[in-house]
C-alpha atoms as a PDB file:
ATOM      1  CA  MET A   1      10.581 -38.218 -15.987  1.00  0.00           C
ATOM      2  CA  ASN A   2      11.496 -41.479 -18.122  1.00  0.00           C
ATOM      3  CA  LEU A   3      11.069 -40.172 -21.603  1.00  0.00           C
ATOM      4  CA  SER A   4       9.992 -43.375 -22.627  1.00  0.00           C
ATOM      5  CA  ARG A   5       7.221 -43.206 -21.044  1.00  0.00           C
ATOM      6  CA  ALA A   6       6.096 -39.856 -22.366  1.00  0.00           C
ATOM      7  CA  PRO A   7       2.328 -39.956 -23.023  1.00  0.00           C
ATOM      8  CA  PHE A   8       1.749 -40.916 -26.734  1.00  0.00           C
ATOM      9  CA  LEU A   9      -0.916 -37.881 -26.885  1.00  0.00           C
ATOM     10  CA  LEU A  10       2.096 -36.306 -27.913  1.00  0.00           C
ATOM     11  CA  THR A  11       2.432 -37.787 -31.322  1.00  0.00           C
ATOM     12  CA  ALA A  12      -1.237 -36.107 -32.410  1.00  0.00           C
ATOM     13  CA  THR A  13       0.680 -33.097 -32.362  1.00  0.00           C
ATOM     14  CA  PHE A  14       2.686 -33.674 -35.569  1.00  0.00           C
ATOM     15  CA  PRO A  15      -0.849 -34.309 -37.995  1.00  0.00           C
ATOM     16  CA  ILE A  16      -2.404 -31.428 -36.251  1.00  0.00           C
ATOM     17  CA  ALA A  17       0.260 -29.258 -36.622  1.00  0.00           C
ATOM     18  CA  ALA A  18       0.331 -30.886 -40.245  1.00  0.00           C
ATOM     19  CA  SER A  19      -3.169 -29.498 -40.706  1.00  0.00           C
ATOM     20  CA  LEU A  20      -2.324 -26.160 -40.513  1.00  0.00           C
ATOM     21  CA  VAL A  21       0.164 -26.387 -43.358  1.00  0.00           C
ATOM     22  CA  VAL A  22      -2.478 -28.267 -45.072  1.00  0.00           C
ATOM     23  CA  LEU A  23      -5.217 -25.341 -44.958  1.00  0.00           C
ATOM     24  CA  SER A  24      -2.522 -22.553 -45.601  1.00  0.00           C
ATOM     25  CA  PHE A  25      -1.858 -24.297 -49.222  1.00  0.00           C
ATOM     26  CA  ALA A  26      -5.546 -24.728 -50.107  1.00  0.00           C
ATOM     27  CA  GLY A  27      -6.234 -21.092 -49.204  1.00  0.00           C
ATOM     28  CA  VAL A  28      -9.585 -21.703 -47.269  1.00  0.00           C
ATOM     29  CA  ASN A  29     -11.630 -18.892 -45.853  1.00  0.00           C
ATOM     30  CA  ARG A  30     -11.560 -17.186 -42.131  1.00  0.00           C
ATOM     31  CA  ARG A  31     -14.474 -19.296 -40.920  1.00  0.00           C
ATOM     32  CA  ILE A  32     -13.075 -22.339 -41.785  1.00  0.00           C
ATOM     33  CA  TRP A  33      -9.722 -21.197 -40.415  1.00  0.00           C
ATOM     34  CA  LEU A  34     -11.338 -20.177 -36.847  1.00  0.00           C
ATOM     35  CA  MET A  35     -13.702 -23.218 -36.742  1.00  0.00           C
ATOM     36  CA  HIS A  36     -10.410 -25.908 -37.355  1.00  0.00           C
ATOM     37  CA  LEU A  37      -8.979 -23.849 -34.567  1.00  0.00           C
ATOM     38  CA  LEU A  38     -11.811 -24.135 -32.155  1.00  0.00           C
ATOM     39  CA  LEU A  39     -12.021 -27.939 -32.977  1.00  0.00           C
ATOM     40  CA  ILE A  40      -8.430 -28.386 -32.043  1.00  0.00           C
ATOM     41  CA  CYS A  41      -9.000 -26.422 -28.496  1.00  0.00           C
ATOM     42  CA  ALA A  42     -12.118 -28.493 -28.001  1.00  0.00           C
ATOM     43  CA  THR A  43      -9.906 -31.678 -28.517  1.00  0.00           C
ATOM     44  CA  CYS A  44      -7.402 -30.484 -26.033  1.00  0.00           C
ATOM     45  CA  LEU A  45     -10.408 -29.907 -23.374  1.00  0.00           C
ATOM     46  CA  LEU A  46     -11.712 -33.555 -23.925  1.00  0.00           C
ATOM     47  CA  ILE A  47      -8.494 -34.657 -23.310  1.00  0.00           C
ATOM     48  CA  VAL A  48      -7.596 -32.660 -20.045  1.00  0.00           C
ATOM     49  CA  ALA A  49     -11.223 -33.511 -18.950  1.00  0.00           C
ATOM     50  CA  GLY A  50     -10.479 -37.276 -19.180  1.00  0.00           C
ATOM     51  CA  GLN A  51      -7.773 -36.545 -16.339  1.00  0.00           C
ATOM     52  CA  PHE A  52     -10.423 -35.703 -14.274  1.00  0.00           C
ATOM     53  CA  LEU A  53     -12.442 -38.779 -14.550  1.00  0.00           C
ATOM     54  CA  ASP A  54     -13.133 -41.008 -11.437  1.00  0.00           C
ATOM     55  CA  ARG A  55     -10.584 -43.805 -11.854  1.00  0.00           C
ATOM     56  CA  ARG A  56     -12.684 -45.825  -9.835  1.00  0.00           C
ATOM     57  CA  THR A  57     -15.210 -46.327 -12.185  1.00  0.00           C
ATOM     58  CA  HIS A  58     -13.744 -48.398 -14.597  1.00  0.00           C
ATOM     59  CA  GLY A  59     -13.925 -51.997 -16.049  1.00  0.00           C
ATOM     60  CA  SER A  60     -16.992 -53.481 -18.165  1.00  0.00           C
ATOM     61  CA  THR A  61     -20.194 -51.611 -17.114  1.00  0.00           C
ATOM     62  CA  PRO A  62     -18.548 -47.924 -18.816  1.00  0.00           C
ATOM     63  CA  ALA A  63     -17.325 -50.183 -21.321  1.00  0.00           C
ATOM     64  CA  LYS A  64     -20.659 -51.643 -21.912  1.00  0.00           C
ATOM     65  CA  ILE A  65     -22.240 -47.883 -22.365  1.00  0.00           C
ATOM     66  CA  ILE A  66     -19.346 -46.903 -24.223  1.00  0.00           C
ATOM     67  CA  ALA A  67     -19.958 -49.351 -26.920  1.00  0.00           C
ATOM     68  CA  LEU A  68     -23.794 -48.914 -26.800  1.00  0.00           C
ATOM     69  CA  LEU A  69     -23.580 -45.503 -27.287  1.00  0.00           C
ATOM     70  CA  ALA A  70     -21.045 -45.588 -29.968  1.00  0.00           C
ATOM     71  CA  LEU A  71     -23.338 -47.932 -31.664  1.00  0.00           C
ATOM     72  CA  ALA A  72     -26.067 -45.847 -31.319  1.00  0.00           C
ATOM     73  CA  GLY A  73     -24.470 -42.836 -32.841  1.00  0.00           C
ATOM     74  CA  ILE A  74     -23.189 -44.497 -35.670  1.00  0.00           C
ATOM     75  CA  ALA A  75     -26.818 -45.916 -36.532  1.00  0.00           C
ATOM     76  CA  ALA A  76     -27.750 -41.933 -36.082  1.00  0.00           C
ATOM     77  CA  PRO A  77     -27.168 -40.649 -39.539  1.00  0.00           C
ATOM     78  CA  LEU A  78     -29.475 -43.574 -41.039  1.00  0.00           C
ATOM     79  CA  LEU A  79     -31.992 -41.719 -39.839  1.00  0.00           C
ATOM     80  CA  ASN A  80     -31.539 -38.424 -41.681  1.00  0.00           C
ATOM     81  CA  LYS A  81     -34.027 -38.232 -44.674  1.00  0.00           C
ATOM     82  CA  SER A  82     -31.182 -37.532 -47.801  1.00  0.00           C
ATOM     83  CA  SER A  83     -30.628 -39.214 -50.818  1.00  0.00           C
ATOM     84  CA  GLY A  84     -27.033 -39.216 -50.607  1.00  0.00           C
ATOM     85  CA  PRO A  85     -24.572 -41.136 -47.948  1.00  0.00           C
ATOM     86  CA  ASP A  86     -26.049 -40.911 -44.199  1.00  0.00           C
ATOM     87  CA  ARG A  87     -22.698 -40.245 -42.294  1.00  0.00           C
ATOM     88  CA  TRP A  88     -23.454 -37.322 -40.444  1.00  0.00           C
ATOM     89  CA  VAL A  89     -25.451 -35.568 -37.520  1.00  0.00           C
ATOM     90  CA  SER A  90     -25.710 -32.023 -37.293  1.00  0.00           C
ATOM     91  CA  LEU A  91     -25.129 -30.128 -34.406  1.00  0.00           C
ATOM     92  CA  GLY A  92     -25.579 -26.563 -34.723  1.00  0.00           C
ATOM     93  CA  PRO A  93     -22.973 -25.201 -37.092  1.00  0.00           C
ATOM     94  CA  LEU A  94     -21.225 -28.431 -37.063  1.00  0.00           C
ATOM     95  CA  LYS A  95     -22.075 -31.525 -39.019  1.00  0.00           C
ATOM     96  CA  LEU A  96     -20.451 -34.420 -36.936  1.00  0.00           C
ATOM     97  CA  TYR A  97     -18.867 -37.244 -39.325  1.00  0.00           C
ATOM     98  CA  MET A  98     -19.993 -40.158 -36.905  1.00  0.00           C
ATOM     99  CA  ALA A  99     -17.678 -42.934 -37.358  1.00  0.00           C
ATOM    100  CA  PRO A 100     -14.363 -41.350 -36.628  1.00  0.00           C
ATOM    101  CA  LEU A 101     -15.632 -39.314 -33.636  1.00  0.00           C
ATOM    102  CA  LEU A 102     -16.469 -42.699 -32.237  1.00  0.00           C
ATOM    103  CA  LEU A 103     -14.817 -45.787 -33.432  1.00  0.00           C
ATOM    104  CA  PRO A 104     -11.754 -45.188 -31.360  1.00  0.00           C
ATOM    105  CA  SER A 105     -13.380 -45.126 -28.090  1.00  0.00           C
ATOM    106  CA  PHE A 106     -15.678 -48.087 -29.645  1.00  0.00           C
ATOM    107  CA  PHE A 107     -12.559 -50.256 -29.799  1.00  0.00           C
ATOM    108  CA  ALA A 108     -11.263 -49.030 -26.593  1.00  0.00           C
ATOM    109  CA  ALA A 109     -14.821 -50.170 -24.953  1.00  0.00           C
ATOM    110  CA  CYS A 110     -14.944 -53.675 -27.042  1.00  0.00           C
ATOM    111  CA  THR A 111     -11.476 -54.358 -25.738  1.00  0.00           C
ATOM    112  CA  VAL A 112     -13.014 -54.826 -21.999  1.00  0.00           C
ATOM    113  CA  SER A 113     -14.880 -57.355 -23.335  1.00  0.00           C
ATOM    114  CA  VAL A 114     -12.261 -59.417 -25.399  1.00  0.00           C
ATOM    115  CA  ARG A 115     -10.355 -59.222 -22.264  1.00  0.00           C
ATOM    116  CA  LYS A 116     -12.890 -60.940 -20.173  1.00  0.00           C
ATOM    117  CA  ARG A 117     -13.530 -63.933 -22.348  1.00  0.00           C
ATOM    118  CA  GLY A 118     -16.729 -65.997 -22.576  1.00  0.00           C
ATOM    119  CA  LYS A 119     -20.025 -64.291 -22.656  1.00  0.00           C
ATOM    120  CA  MET A 120     -18.546 -60.714 -22.657  1.00  0.00           C
ATOM    121  CA  GLU A 121     -16.194 -61.728 -25.197  1.00  0.00           C
ATOM    122  CA  THR A 122     -19.329 -63.091 -27.668  1.00  0.00           C
ATOM    123  CA  ILE A 123     -20.822 -59.616 -27.276  1.00  0.00           C
ATOM    124  CA  ALA A 124     -17.794 -57.734 -28.142  1.00  0.00           C
ATOM    125  CA  TYR A 125     -17.612 -59.773 -31.658  1.00  0.00           C
ATOM    126  CA  THR A 126     -21.491 -59.040 -32.043  1.00  0.00           C
ATOM    127  CA  ALA A 127     -21.289 -55.468 -31.300  1.00  0.00           C
ATOM    128  CA  LEU A 128     -18.170 -55.565 -34.015  1.00  0.00           C
ATOM    129  CA  VAL A 129     -19.985 -56.757 -37.010  1.00  0.00           C
ATOM    130  CA  GLY A 130     -22.761 -54.780 -35.838  1.00  0.00           C
ATOM    131  CA  ALA A 131     -20.600 -51.765 -36.352  1.00  0.00           C
ATOM    132  CA  SER A 132     -19.829 -53.386 -39.561  1.00  0.00           C
ATOM    133  CA  ILE A 133     -23.092 -53.457 -41.076  1.00  0.00           C
ATOM    134  CA  LEU A 134     -24.341 -50.046 -39.586  1.00  0.00           C
ATOM    135  CA  LEU A 135     -21.406 -48.625 -41.757  1.00  0.00           C
ATOM    136  CA  ALA A 136     -22.339 -50.652 -44.656  1.00  0.00           C
ATOM    137  CA  ILE A 137     -25.453 -49.196 -45.123  1.00  0.00           C
ATOM    138  CA  GLN A 138     -24.650 -45.662 -44.954  1.00  0.00           C
ATOM    139  CA  PRO A 139     -22.245 -46.602 -47.284  1.00  0.00           C
ATOM    140  CA  ASP A 140     -19.016 -46.016 -45.477  1.00  0.00           C
ATOM    141  CA  ALA A 141     -16.378 -48.486 -47.054  1.00  0.00           C
ATOM    142  CA  SER A 142     -13.368 -46.560 -45.851  1.00  0.00           C
ATOM    143  CA  GLN A 143     -14.677 -46.962 -42.024  1.00  0.00           C
ATOM    144  CA  VAL A 144     -15.913 -50.464 -42.641  1.00  0.00           C
ATOM    145  CA  LEU A 145     -12.001 -51.677 -43.782  1.00  0.00           C
ATOM    146  CA  ALA A 146     -10.619 -49.433 -41.349  1.00  0.00           C
ATOM    147  CA  LEU A 147     -12.944 -51.266 -38.254  1.00  0.00           C
ATOM    148  CA  LEU A 148     -11.879 -54.890 -40.150  1.00  0.00           C
ATOM    149  CA  ALA A 149      -8.235 -53.960 -39.745  1.00  0.00           C
ATOM    150  CA  GLY A 150      -8.285 -52.679 -36.226  1.00  0.00           C
ATOM    151  CA  SER A 151     -10.643 -55.983 -35.178  1.00  0.00           C
ATOM    152  CA  ALA A 152      -7.916 -58.133 -36.502  1.00  0.00           C
ATOM    153  CA  VAL A 153      -5.120 -56.343 -34.754  1.00  0.00           C
ATOM    154  CA  LEU A 154      -6.929 -56.387 -31.752  1.00  0.00           C
ATOM    155  CA  PHE A 155      -7.777 -60.181 -31.876  1.00  0.00           C
ATOM    156  CA  MET A 156      -4.258 -61.130 -32.411  1.00  0.00           C
ATOM    157  CA  ARG A 157      -2.987 -58.360 -29.488  1.00  0.00           C
ATOM    158  CA  TYR A 158      -5.052 -59.964 -27.066  1.00  0.00           C
ATOM    159  CA  ARG A 159      -4.720 -63.391 -28.447  1.00  0.00           C
ATOM    160  CA  ALA A 160      -8.060 -64.569 -28.771  1.00  0.00           C
ATOM    161  CA  ASN A 161      -9.212 -68.003 -28.811  1.00  0.00           C
ATOM    162  CA  LEU A 162     -10.595 -69.317 -32.371  1.00  0.00           C
ATOM    163  CA  PRO A 163     -13.180 -69.761 -33.981  1.00  0.00           C
ATOM    164  CA  ARG A 164     -14.821 -66.743 -32.755  1.00  0.00           C
ATOM    165  CA  PRO A 165     -12.698 -64.260 -34.035  1.00  0.00           C
ATOM    166  CA  ALA A 166     -12.219 -66.107 -37.064  1.00  0.00           C
ATOM    167  CA  ILE A 167     -16.299 -66.213 -37.839  1.00  0.00           C
ATOM    168  CA  THR A 168     -16.139 -62.685 -36.490  1.00  0.00           C
ATOM    169  CA  LEU A 169     -13.610 -61.247 -38.901  1.00  0.00           C
ATOM    170  CA  GLY A 170     -15.038 -63.487 -41.955  1.00  0.00           C
ATOM    171  CA  ALA A 171     -18.214 -61.983 -41.266  1.00  0.00           C
ATOM    172  CA  MET A 172     -16.685 -58.758 -41.437  1.00  0.00           C
ATOM    173  CA  VAL A 173     -14.789 -58.937 -44.688  1.00  0.00           C
ATOM    174  CA  LEU A 174     -18.300 -60.150 -46.309  1.00  0.00           C
ATOM    175  CA  VAL A 175     -19.539 -56.627 -45.187  1.00  0.00           C
ATOM    176  CA  THR A 176     -16.552 -54.763 -46.328  1.00  0.00           C
ATOM    177  CA  ALA A 177     -16.458 -56.466 -49.582  1.00  0.00           C
ATOM    178  CA  GLY A 178     -20.000 -55.480 -49.997  1.00  0.00           C
ATOM    179  CA  ALA A 179     -19.727 -51.957 -48.994  1.00  0.00           C
ATOM    180  CA  PHE A 180     -17.004 -51.346 -51.576  1.00  0.00           C
ATOM    181  CA  THR A 181     -19.379 -52.518 -54.336  1.00  0.00           C
ATOM    182  CA  ARG A 182     -22.015 -49.665 -53.251  1.00  0.00           C
ATOM    183  CA  PRO A 183     -21.026 -46.549 -55.217  1.00  0.00           C
ATOM    184  CA  ASP A 184     -19.844 -43.578 -53.450  1.00  0.00           C
ATOM    185  CA  LEU A 185     -20.450 -40.086 -55.442  1.00  0.00           C
ATOM    186  CA  LEU A 186     -19.049 -37.700 -53.145  1.00  0.00           C
ATOM    187  CA  GLU A 187     -16.088 -35.981 -54.608  1.00  0.00           C
ATOM    188  CA  PRO A 188     -13.152 -35.637 -52.730  1.00  0.00           C
ATOM    189  CA  VAL A 189     -12.123 -32.063 -51.042  1.00  0.00           C
ATOM    190  CA  PRO A 190      -8.252 -31.392 -51.088  1.00  0.00           C
ATOM    191  CA  TYR A 191      -8.167 -29.866 -47.610  1.00  0.00           C
ATOM    192  CA  VAL A 192     -10.169 -32.754 -46.391  1.00  0.00           C
ATOM    193  CA  GLU A 193      -9.175 -35.981 -48.210  1.00  0.00           C
ATOM    194  CA  SER A 194      -6.930 -35.270 -50.624  1.00  0.00           C
ATOM    195  CA  VAL A 195      -4.024 -33.701 -48.068  1.00  0.00           C
ATOM    196  CA  PHE A 196      -1.045 -35.385 -48.951  1.00  0.00           C
ATOM    197  CA  ALA A 197      -1.492 -34.483 -52.543  1.00  0.00           C
ATOM    198  CA  LEU A 198      -2.273 -30.888 -51.735  1.00  0.00           C
ATOM    199  CA  ALA A 199       0.934 -30.374 -49.433  1.00  0.00           C
ATOM    200  CA  LEU A 200       3.079 -32.279 -52.032  1.00  0.00           C
ATOM    201  CA  GLY A 201       1.610 -29.691 -54.773  1.00  0.00           C
ATOM    202  CA  GLY A 202       2.292 -26.789 -52.930  1.00  0.00           C
ATOM    203  CA  SER A 203       5.975 -27.737 -51.899  1.00  0.00           C
ATOM    204  CA  LEU A 204       7.727 -30.862 -51.722  1.00  0.00           C
ATOM    205  CA  LEU A 205       9.310 -30.048 -48.415  1.00  0.00           C
ATOM    206  CA  ALA A 206       6.163 -29.634 -47.149  1.00  0.00           C
ATOM    207  CA  GLY A 207       4.494 -32.030 -48.527  1.00  0.00           C
ATOM    208  CA  LEU A 208       7.067 -34.862 -47.127  1.00  0.00           C
ATOM    209  CA  ALA A 209       6.900 -33.231 -43.605  1.00  0.00           C
ATOM    210  CA  VAL A 210       2.717 -33.798 -43.769  1.00  0.00           C
ATOM    211  CA  ILE A 211       3.298 -37.342 -44.907  1.00  0.00           C
ATOM    212  CA  ALA A 212       5.967 -38.042 -41.972  1.00  0.00           C
ATOM    213  CA  SER A 213       3.525 -36.467 -39.671  1.00  0.00           C
ATOM    214  CA  ALA A 214       0.762 -39.311 -40.538  1.00  0.00           C
ATOM    215  CA  PHE A 215       3.804 -42.053 -39.961  1.00  0.00           C
ATOM    216  CA  ILE A 216       4.849 -40.201 -36.740  1.00  0.00           C
ATOM    217  CA  PHE A 217       1.380 -40.765 -35.179  1.00  0.00           C
ATOM    218  CA  ILE A 218       0.716 -44.013 -36.390  1.00  0.00           C
ATOM    219  CA  ALA A 219       4.161 -45.435 -34.941  1.00  0.00           C
ATOM    220  CA  GLY A 220       3.420 -43.516 -31.879  1.00  0.00           C
ATOM    221  CA  LEU A 221       0.256 -45.135 -31.200  1.00  0.00           C
ATOM    222  CA  TYR A 222       1.956 -48.727 -31.644  1.00  0.00           C
ATOM    223  CA  ALA A 223       4.840 -47.890 -29.952  1.00  0.00           C
ATOM    224  CA  TYR A 224       2.876 -46.611 -26.736  1.00  0.00           C
ATOM    225  CA  SER A 225       0.855 -50.053 -27.404  1.00  0.00           C
ATOM    226  CA  LEU A 226       3.790 -52.247 -26.987  1.00  0.00           C
ATOM    227  CA  ARG A 227       4.403 -51.012 -23.620  1.00  0.00           C
ATOM    228  CA  SER A 228       1.232 -50.716 -21.903  1.00  0.00           C
ATOM    229  CA  ALA A 229      -2.236 -50.186 -23.511  1.00  0.00           C
ATOM    230  CA  ALA A 230      -1.941 -52.827 -26.281  1.00  0.00           C
ATOM    231  CA  TRP A 231      -5.348 -51.998 -27.400  1.00  0.00           C
ATOM    232  CA  LEU A 232      -3.882 -49.012 -28.791  1.00  0.00           C
ATOM    233  CA  ALA A 233      -2.422 -51.257 -31.848  1.00  0.00           C
ATOM    234  CA  ALA A 234      -5.834 -51.750 -33.386  1.00  0.00           C
ATOM    235  CA  VAL A 235      -6.931 -47.959 -33.165  1.00  0.00           C
ATOM    236  CA  ALA A 236      -3.228 -47.235 -34.953  1.00  0.00           C
ATOM    237  CA  ALA A 237      -4.349 -49.936 -37.740  1.00  0.00           C
ATOM    238  CA  TYR A 238      -7.560 -48.024 -37.855  1.00  0.00           C
ATOM    239  CA  TYR A 239      -6.155 -44.624 -38.534  1.00  0.00           C
ATOM    240  CA  ALA A 240      -3.261 -46.387 -40.924  1.00  0.00           C
ATOM    241  CA  VAL A 241      -6.038 -47.799 -43.234  1.00  0.00           C
ATOM    242  CA  LEU A 242      -8.008 -44.458 -43.104  1.00  0.00           C
ATOM    243  CA  PHE A 243      -4.897 -42.402 -44.417  1.00  0.00           C
ATOM    244  CA  LEU A 244      -4.354 -45.140 -47.169  1.00  0.00           C
ATOM    245  CA  CYS A 245      -7.965 -44.476 -48.456  1.00  0.00           C
ATOM    246  CA  SER A 246      -7.626 -40.678 -48.124  1.00  0.00           C
ATOM    247  CA  VAL A 247      -4.668 -41.004 -50.705  1.00  0.00           C
ATOM    248  CA  ALA A 248      -7.311 -42.662 -52.762  1.00  0.00           C
ATOM    249  CA  GLY A 249      -9.827 -39.857 -52.163  1.00  0.00           C
ATOM    250  CA  LEU A 250     -12.205 -41.922 -50.461  1.00  0.00           C
ATOM    251  CA  THR A 251     -12.492 -40.608 -46.709  1.00  0.00           C
ATOM    252  CA  PRO A 252     -10.980 -37.681 -44.360  1.00  0.00           C
ATOM    253  CA  ALA A 253      -7.296 -38.165 -43.438  1.00  0.00           C
ATOM    254  CA  PRO A 254      -7.547 -38.155 -39.717  1.00  0.00           C
ATOM    255  CA  LEU A 255      -6.294 -35.145 -37.849  1.00  0.00           C
ATOM    256  CA  ILE A 256      -4.863 -33.937 -41.111  1.00  0.00           C
ATOM    257  CA  GLY A 257      -7.913 -32.960 -42.879  1.00  0.00           C
ATOM    258  CA  TYR A 258     -10.446 -30.920 -42.006  1.00  0.00           C
ATOM    259  CA  GLY A 259     -13.304 -32.097 -40.077  1.00  0.00           C
ATOM    260  CA  ALA A 260     -14.884 -31.926 -36.535  1.00  0.00           C
ATOM    261  CA  GLY A 261     -15.223 -35.743 -36.215  1.00  0.00           C
ATOM    262  CA  PRO A 262     -11.743 -37.586 -36.556  1.00  0.00           C
ATOM    263  CA  LEU A 263     -10.467 -34.321 -34.217  1.00  0.00           C
ATOM    264  CA  LEU A 264     -12.932 -35.047 -31.574  1.00  0.00           C
ATOM    265  CA  GLY A 265     -12.593 -38.401 -31.753  1.00  0.00           C
ATOM    266  CA  PHE A 266      -9.022 -38.502 -30.880  1.00  0.00           C
ATOM    267  CA  GLY A 267      -9.446 -36.355 -28.031  1.00  0.00           C
ATOM    268  CA  LEU A 268     -12.824 -38.688 -26.672  1.00  0.00           C
ATOM    269  CA  MET A 269     -10.882 -41.966 -26.872  1.00  0.00           C
ATOM    270  CA  ALA A 270      -8.129 -40.366 -25.047  1.00  0.00           C
ATOM    271  CA  ALA A 271     -10.644 -39.069 -22.246  1.00  0.00           C
ATOM    272  CA  VAL A 272     -12.425 -42.515 -21.630  1.00  0.00           C
ATOM    273  CA  SER A 273      -9.552 -44.534 -21.810  1.00  0.00           C
ATOM    274  CA  TRP A 274      -9.311 -43.875 -18.343  1.00  0.00           C
ATOM    275  CA  TRP A 275     -12.356 -45.816 -17.793  1.00  0.00           C
ATOM    276  CA  VAL A 276     -11.568 -48.900 -19.975  1.00  0.00           C
ATOM    277  CA  ASP A 277      -7.966 -48.978 -19.542  1.00  0.00           C
ATOM    278  CA  PRO A 278      -6.882 -47.687 -15.978  1.00  0.00           C
ATOM    279  CA  GLU A 279      -3.749 -49.773 -15.820  1.00  0.00           C
ATOM    280  CA  ALA A 280      -2.123 -47.385 -18.841  1.00  0.00           C
ATOM    281  CA  PRO A 281      -2.591 -43.886 -17.946  1.00  0.00           C
ATOM    282  CA  LEU A 282      -2.876 -41.895 -21.355  1.00  0.00           C
ATOM    283  CA  GLY A 283      -1.968 -38.288 -20.461  1.00  0.00           C
ATOM    284  CA  SER A 284      -0.166 -36.088 -18.080  1.00  0.00           C
ATOM    285  CA  SER A 285      -0.622 -37.880 -15.014  1.00  0.00           C
ATOM    286  CA  VAL A 286       1.943 -39.891 -16.586  1.00  0.00           C
ATOM    287  CA  ILE A 287       4.399 -37.455 -16.222  1.00  0.00           C
ATOM    288  CA  THR A 288       2.911 -36.651 -12.966  1.00  0.00           C
ATOM    289  CA  GLN A 289       3.554 -40.145 -11.880  1.00  0.00           C
ATOM    290  CA  GLU A 290       7.132 -39.999 -12.771  1.00  0.00           C
ATOM    291  CA  LEU A 291       7.929 -36.760 -11.295  1.00  0.00           C
ATOM    292  CA  SER A 292       6.617 -37.975  -7.664  1.00  0.00           C
END
């Protein structure tokens, strides 16, 4: 097996392991521990399930379906009748944070349209602006900013022709600026948003290890994007912005902070990536190909 082609999925083990360190310092109750471990298992099951998807069914059709379902899912929290931010959908004991659950897969789906150019490219631009507006209404400024950053990197990696990408990014910048003018009254939770400060407060060595796990994760995604799946650079930019926003207590730290959305979102992205980027397998089958 050529180690340079080892699946990028292994890099996610670093922030997931760091999340266990964060929870230990937070002194959370047994229910949270159990839920977190179950979410990690569910994420692994999603990744494994992706290996059994039909490789012959790929391209624009499933990408359109994924993008449409992602937009619908992002809009779903707006149907809640609450006085606070509308970002979650209740599912039994879980409150699913829809943006981090769906946006990584949304990037993968939009990539198919961006690559095809023409009318399909316009559909992708419209979908990205639409997602930005839906997130701003919630309001969720951090996710809007992360979506903007990921979209900019996506256009650069696929050398999208002006002026449509410029117009799209211009519209998203305006939406992002508007989102940050709306107040967000949610207080950060130490083991959800303020994970780096919590870890550093517990132990300098542990804190540095938790910070390093985030860098390794982002670097792993970007390195894999250079070898094959170029769209992963957009996902790396998306996660990087969320990590930075979490330092300010604005949003959960992906995979390190407690929460169902980011964990399941990563697993879902790894699963559906077979449909939207069949030339760049993202999982254990890479190892199988090298051994065969």
